[in-house]
Amino acid sequence: MIREVPTHRGLALIAVLWIVAALSLAATGLIHSAKLEIRKASRHRAVVEAAALGDAANRLVLQEITARALPVNKSEHVELEFGGRWIRVRARSLNGLVDINNAAEPLLAALFQHAAGVAPANAAVLARAVVEWRKRPAAGGTPIGFDAPEDLLAVPGVDYALYARIQDLISASLRGGGLVNPEAAPLPVLVVLAEGNVALASQLYAQRENSPLPMDTTSLNAAFKGGGSGGPLSVIAEVPLDGAVTLERSWVVALSSSGRNGLPWRVIEQRQRLLSSAN
């Protein structure tokens, strides 16, 4: 004789199976979340350590620069082994960049055209907008200007895509005449000074990097270029992380005034960003 299993027993079994499945899913989710948090904490620690190494490398380079008591006229590159890693440090005078607080309209237009790929007419409009924006009076009547390069994003017509193409070529920390020192200019800025002549800019860049002689700048736009040394320095340490990622630790430094602890420099600005090999 066949006995029927009561229906409530079958339902109870199904309920138990559902509870077990739900608990398994919850446990899997918790484990996954825990792994993500561990990865985040590990990456954060790696970034903090890399920033400390970058700061240490920047200090070593600044010690060497101040010890020799000679101005930084050209862009300088050095590689240091520090903390078990090879760290590349670049130092250059900020007068090799375009000063967005003082550069004249034609130079700004050339920057937008030849470094950001903006059409000439639109580049001129953007240059005019930058000048008008920085001239706005503050409470005391003096022009507001720009406190940092990213302030350029507040100018009508400047979006992030455009800013990203020129962010490494501009400075808001200079208080000079708005001209560019070709001896300290990176290659893209030399292209701007050469009014888009990439071949000429590349030739001058190669000559400057490989020769102790002064750079021949006669073929560059005379209205854009200036000379001299002094003023703030840009010191940038590139610290490799795991994989194809690099932490770029940037300082803007004034050498002429004493900083904390009696150091012969003062850090005006600190920035950092993560760069992948795709960049």
Protein backbone atom coordinates (compact mmCIF):
# COMPACT_ATOMS: atom_id res chain seq x y z
CA MET A 1 0.00 0.00 0.00
CA ILE A 2 1.43 3.42 -1.00
CA ARG A 3 1.38 6.12 1.65
CA GLU A 4 1.14 9.74 0.52
CA VAL A 5 3.63 12.23 1.93
CA PRO A 6 1.77 15.08 3.61
CA THR A 7 1.78 18.27 1.52
CA HIS A 8 3.06 20.44 4.39
CA ARG A 9 6.26 18.37 4.59
CA GLY A 10 7.01 19.04 0.91
CA LEU A 11 6.39 22.75 1.38
CA ALA A 12 8.63 22.81 4.42
CA LEU A 13 11.43 21.17 2.44
CA ILE A 14 11.06 23.73 -0.35
CA ALA A 15 11.14 26.55 2.21
CA VAL A 16 14.30 25.17 3.76
CA LEU A 17 15.95 24.91 0.35
CA TRP A 18 14.98 28.51 -0.44
CA ILE A 19 16.42 29.71 2.87
CA VAL A 20 19.67 27.83 2.25
CA ALA A 21 19.90 29.32 -1.25
CA ALA A 22 19.21 32.83 0.07
CA LEU A 23 21.84 32.46 2.79
CA SER A 24 24.34 31.19 0.21
CA LEU A 25 23.69 34.21 -2.01
CA ALA A 26 24.01 36.56 0.96
CA ALA A 27 27.28 34.94 2.00
CA THR A 28 28.61 35.17 -1.56
CA GLY A 29 27.67 38.86 -1.67
CA LEU A 30 29.37 39.56 1.64
CA ILE A 31 32.53 37.76 0.54
CA HIS A 32 32.57 39.71 -2.74
CA SER A 33 32.06 43.02 -0.90
CA ALA A 34 34.83 42.14 1.55
CA LYS A 35 37.21 41.36 -1.31
CA LEU A 36 36.38 44.69 -2.98
CA GLU A 37 37.01 46.57 0.26
CA ILE A 38 40.32 44.77 0.70
CA ARG A 39 41.34 45.70 -2.86
CA LYS A 40 40.34 49.34 -2.26
CA ALA A 41 42.28 49.48 0.99
CA SER A 42 45.30 47.88 -0.66
CA ARG A 43 45.21 50.36 -3.57
CA HIS A 44 44.75 53.29 -1.19
CA ARG A 45 47.76 52.17 0.84
CA ALA A 46 49.82 51.77 -2.35
CA VAL A 47 48.88 55.29 -3.48
CA VAL A 48 49.75 56.78 -0.07
CA GLU A 49 53.13 55.00 -0.10
CA ALA A 50 53.80 56.14 -3.67
CA ALA A 51 52.93 59.73 -2.75
CA ALA A 52 55.41 59.60 0.14
CA LEU A 53 58.11 58.24 -2.19
CA GLY A 54 57.31 60.94 -4.74
CA ASP A 55 57.62 63.65 -2.10
CA ALA A 56 60.94 62.22 -0.95
CA ALA A 57 62.25 62.13 -4.53
CA ASN A 58 61.13 65.73 -5.10
CA ARG A 59 62.98 66.79 -1.94
CA LEU A 60 66.19 65.08 -3.06
CA VAL A 61 66.06 66.85 -6.42
CA LEU A 62 65.34 70.21 -4.77
CA GLN A 63 68.28 69.68 -2.41
CA GLU A 64 70.54 69.15 -5.42
CA ILE A 65 69.13 72.22 -7.20
CA THR A 66 69.54 74.52 -4.20
CA ALA A 67 73.01 73.16 -3.37
CA ARG A 68 74.44 74.10 -6.76
CA ALA A 69 72.99 77.65 -6.43
CA LEU A 70 72.33 77.89 -10.17
CA PRO A 71 68.99 78.76 -11.74
CA VAL A 72 66.96 76.12 -13.54
CA ASN A 73 66.89 77.46 -17.08
CA LYS A 74 66.04 74.24 -18.91
CA SER A 75 63.79 71.31 -18.28
CA GLU A 76 65.80 68.79 -16.24
CA HIS A 77 65.25 65.05 -15.87
CA VAL A 78 66.75 62.66 -13.35
CA GLU A 79 66.08 59.06 -12.30
CA LEU A 80 66.46 58.04 -8.68
CA GLU A 81 66.37 54.65 -7.02
CA PHE A 82 64.39 55.25 -3.88
CA GLY A 83 62.48 52.83 -1.70
CA GLY A 84 63.28 49.97 -4.06
CA ARG A 85 61.78 51.72 -7.09
CA TRP A 86 63.14 53.80 -9.94
CA ILE A 87 61.48 57.20 -9.81
CA ARG A 88 61.72 59.71 -12.65
CA VAL A 89 61.71 63.36 -11.60
CA ARG A 90 61.27 66.35 -13.91
CA ALA A 91 62.11 69.89 -12.85
CA ARG A 92 61.56 73.00 -14.90
CA SER A 93 60.84 76.67 -14.49
CA LEU A 94 57.15 77.45 -14.77
CA ASN A 95 57.96 80.27 -17.17
CA GLY A 96 58.15 77.56 -19.83
CA LEU A 97 54.37 77.19 -19.58
CA VAL A 98 51.60 79.52 -20.73
CA ASP A 99 50.59 81.90 -17.95
CA ILE A 100 46.80 82.03 -18.08
CA ASN A 101 46.74 85.10 -15.82
CA ASN A 102 48.96 87.28 -17.99
CA ALA A 103 49.31 85.76 -21.47
CA ALA A 104 48.08 88.01 -24.26
CA GLU A 105 45.11 87.05 -26.42
CA PRO A 106 47.18 85.97 -29.46
CA LEU A 107 49.23 83.56 -27.33
CA LEU A 108 46.10 82.12 -25.72
CA ALA A 109 44.51 81.74 -29.15
CA ALA A 110 47.63 79.94 -30.41
CA LEU A 111 47.46 77.66 -27.35
CA PHE A 112 43.86 76.69 -28.05
CA GLN A 113 44.50 76.26 -31.77
CA HIS A 114 47.80 74.37 -31.82
CA ALA A 115 47.68 72.50 -28.50
CA ALA A 116 43.95 71.79 -28.19
CA GLY A 117 43.05 71.49 -31.88
CA VAL A 118 40.45 74.27 -31.85
CA ALA A 119 39.62 75.99 -35.15
CA PRO A 120 41.31 79.43 -35.48
CA ALA A 121 38.10 81.46 -35.26
CA ASN A 122 36.87 79.54 -32.21
CA ALA A 123 40.33 79.73 -30.63
CA ALA A 124 40.21 83.52 -30.88
CA VAL A 125 36.77 83.57 -29.24
CA LEU A 126 38.01 81.37 -26.39
CA ALA A 127 41.09 83.56 -25.89
CA ARG A 128 38.88 86.64 -25.62
CA ALA A 129 36.63 84.83 -23.11
CA VAL A 130 39.65 83.92 -20.95
CA VAL A 131 40.87 87.52 -20.88
CA GLU A 132 37.41 88.85 -20.03
CA TRP A 133 36.97 86.27 -17.28
CA ARG A 134 40.29 86.98 -15.56
CA LYS A 135 39.65 90.75 -15.72
CA ARG A 136 36.49 90.54 -13.62
CA PRO A 137 36.94 92.77 -10.56
CA ALA A 138 37.04 91.37 -7.05
CA ALA A 139 35.55 93.16 -4.04
CA GLY A 140 38.51 95.52 -3.84
CA GLY A 141 38.42 96.27 -7.55
CA THR A 142 41.49 94.22 -8.52
CA PRO A 143 41.09 91.54 -11.21
CA ILE A 144 40.10 88.12 -9.88
CA GLY A 145 42.33 86.15 -12.21
CA PHE A 146 42.86 82.40 -11.88
CA ASP A 147 44.07 80.71 -8.70
CA ALA A 148 44.67 77.29 -10.31
CA PRO A 149 44.76 75.88 -13.85
CA GLU A 150 41.43 74.09 -13.39
CA ASP A 151 39.74 77.47 -12.80
CA LEU A 152 39.85 77.73 -16.58
CA LEU A 153 36.87 75.37 -16.60
CA ALA A 154 34.71 78.24 -15.34
CA VAL A 155 35.27 80.17 -18.58
CA PRO A 156 32.34 79.88 -21.02
CA GLY A 157 33.25 77.54 -23.86
CA VAL A 158 35.98 75.64 -21.99
CA ASP A 159 34.85 72.08 -21.29
CA TYR A 160 36.80 69.29 -19.64
CA ALA A 161 37.84 67.65 -22.92
CA LEU A 162 39.49 70.89 -24.03
CA TYR A 163 41.03 71.53 -20.62
CA ALA A 164 42.49 68.01 -20.47
CA ARG A 165 44.46 68.69 -23.67
CA ILE A 166 46.19 71.78 -22.26
CA GLN A 167 46.29 71.22 -18.49
CA ASP A 168 49.99 70.28 -18.52
CA LEU A 169 50.88 73.32 -20.63
CA ILE A 170 49.47 76.12 -18.48
CA SER A 171 50.13 77.70 -15.10
CA ALA A 172 48.28 80.05 -12.77
CA SER A 173 51.23 80.43 -10.37
CA LEU A 174 53.25 82.92 -12.39
CA ARG A 175 53.18 86.66 -11.88
CA GLY A 176 55.28 87.74 -14.82
CA GLY A 177 54.74 89.39 -18.15
CA GLY A 178 52.87 86.55 -19.78
CA LEU A 179 55.65 85.43 -22.13
CA VAL A 180 57.07 81.90 -22.45
CA ASN A 181 60.69 80.90 -21.92
CA PRO A 182 61.46 78.46 -24.77
CA GLU A 183 64.41 76.98 -22.84
CA ALA A 184 61.99 75.59 -20.24
CA ALA A 185 59.03 74.86 -22.51
CA PRO A 186 57.80 71.29 -23.10
CA LEU A 187 57.48 70.18 -26.71
CA PRO A 188 53.73 70.97 -27.07
CA VAL A 189 54.37 74.55 -25.89
CA LEU A 190 57.22 74.86 -28.40
CA VAL A 191 54.68 73.86 -31.06
CA VAL A 192 52.52 76.76 -29.88
CA LEU A 193 55.49 79.16 -30.04
CA ALA A 194 56.23 77.83 -33.54
CA GLU A 195 52.59 78.51 -34.49
CA GLY A 196 51.86 74.89 -35.28
CA ASN A 197 55.12 73.99 -37.03
CA VAL A 198 55.63 70.59 -35.40
CA ALA A 199 58.80 69.79 -37.38
CA LEU A 200 60.48 73.02 -36.29
CA ALA A 201 59.42 72.59 -32.67
CA SER A 202 60.67 68.99 -32.61
CA GLN A 203 64.01 70.03 -34.08
CA LEU A 204 64.48 72.80 -31.52
CA TYR A 205 63.42 70.49 -28.69
CA ALA A 206 65.96 67.83 -29.73
CA GLN A 207 68.73 70.43 -30.02
CA ARG A 208 67.94 71.82 -26.60
CA GLU A 209 67.85 68.44 -24.89
CA ASN A 210 71.09 67.23 -26.47
CA SER A 211 73.25 70.35 -26.55
CA PRO A 212 74.69 72.55 -23.79
CA LEU A 213 74.51 75.56 -26.11
CA PRO A 214 71.72 78.12 -25.82
CA MET A 215 68.64 77.40 -27.88
CA ASP A 216 68.26 79.22 -31.21
CA THR A 217 64.80 80.74 -30.87
CA THR A 218 64.93 83.19 -33.77
CA SER A 219 62.39 81.16 -35.75
CA LEU A 220 59.78 81.28 -32.98
CA ASN A 221 57.12 83.97 -32.66
CA ALA A 222 58.88 86.90 -31.00
CA ALA A 223 55.60 88.16 -29.50
CA PHE A 224 55.18 84.91 -27.55
CA LYS A 225 58.65 84.28 -26.15
CA GLY A 226 60.57 85.66 -23.23
CA GLY A 227 63.67 84.66 -21.36
CA GLY A 228 65.25 84.73 -17.97
CA SER A 229 65.22 82.45 -15.00
CA GLY A 230 63.85 82.56 -11.51
CA GLY A 231 60.28 82.31 -10.37
CA PRO A 232 58.47 79.17 -9.29
CA LEU A 233 59.57 75.68 -10.32
CA SER A 234 57.52 72.68 -11.28
CA VAL A 235 58.92 69.45 -9.80
CA ILE A 236 57.14 66.24 -10.82
CA ALA A 237 57.95 62.73 -9.58
CA GLU A 238 56.63 59.71 -11.48
CA VAL A 239 56.32 56.73 -9.13
CA PRO A 240 55.46 53.33 -10.68
CA LEU A 241 52.69 51.31 -9.06
CA ASP A 242 51.68 47.72 -9.75
CA GLY A 243 50.78 47.05 -13.35
CA ALA A 244 50.92 49.83 -15.92
CA VAL A 245 49.90 52.58 -13.49
CA THR A 246 52.06 55.52 -12.42
CA LEU A 247 51.44 58.05 -9.68
CA GLU A 248 52.45 61.55 -10.73
CA ARG A 249 53.26 63.70 -7.70
CA SER A 250 53.58 67.39 -8.65
CA TRP A 251 54.91 70.31 -6.63
CA VAL A 252 55.02 73.99 -7.47
CA VAL A 253 57.93 75.43 -5.49
CA ALA A 254 59.31 78.90 -4.76
CA LEU A 255 63.06 78.84 -4.12
CA SER A 256 63.46 82.45 -3.07
CA SER A 257 61.59 82.27 0.24
CA SER A 258 62.25 80.10 3.26
CA GLY A 259 59.80 77.34 3.92
CA ARG A 260 59.02 75.33 6.99
CA ASN A 261 61.89 73.94 9.07
CA GLY A 262 64.29 76.39 7.47
CA LEU A 263 64.25 74.70 4.06
CA PRO A 264 65.40 76.91 1.16
CA TRP A 265 62.14 76.39 -0.69
CA ARG A 266 58.43 76.73 -0.10
CA VAL A 267 55.85 74.39 -1.62
CA ILE A 268 53.11 76.56 -3.12
CA GLU A 269 50.97 73.81 -4.53
CA GLN A 270 50.77 70.00 -4.42
CA ARG A 271 48.88 67.77 -6.82
CA GLN A 272 48.78 64.13 -7.77
CA ARG A 273 47.11 61.96 -10.36
CA LEU A 274 47.17 58.36 -11.50
CA LEU A 275 48.24 57.70 -15.07
CA SER A 276 47.89 54.47 -17.00
CA SER A 277 50.04 53.39 -19.92
CA ALA A 278 47.11 54.26 -22.19
CA ASN A 279 47.63 57.91 -21.31
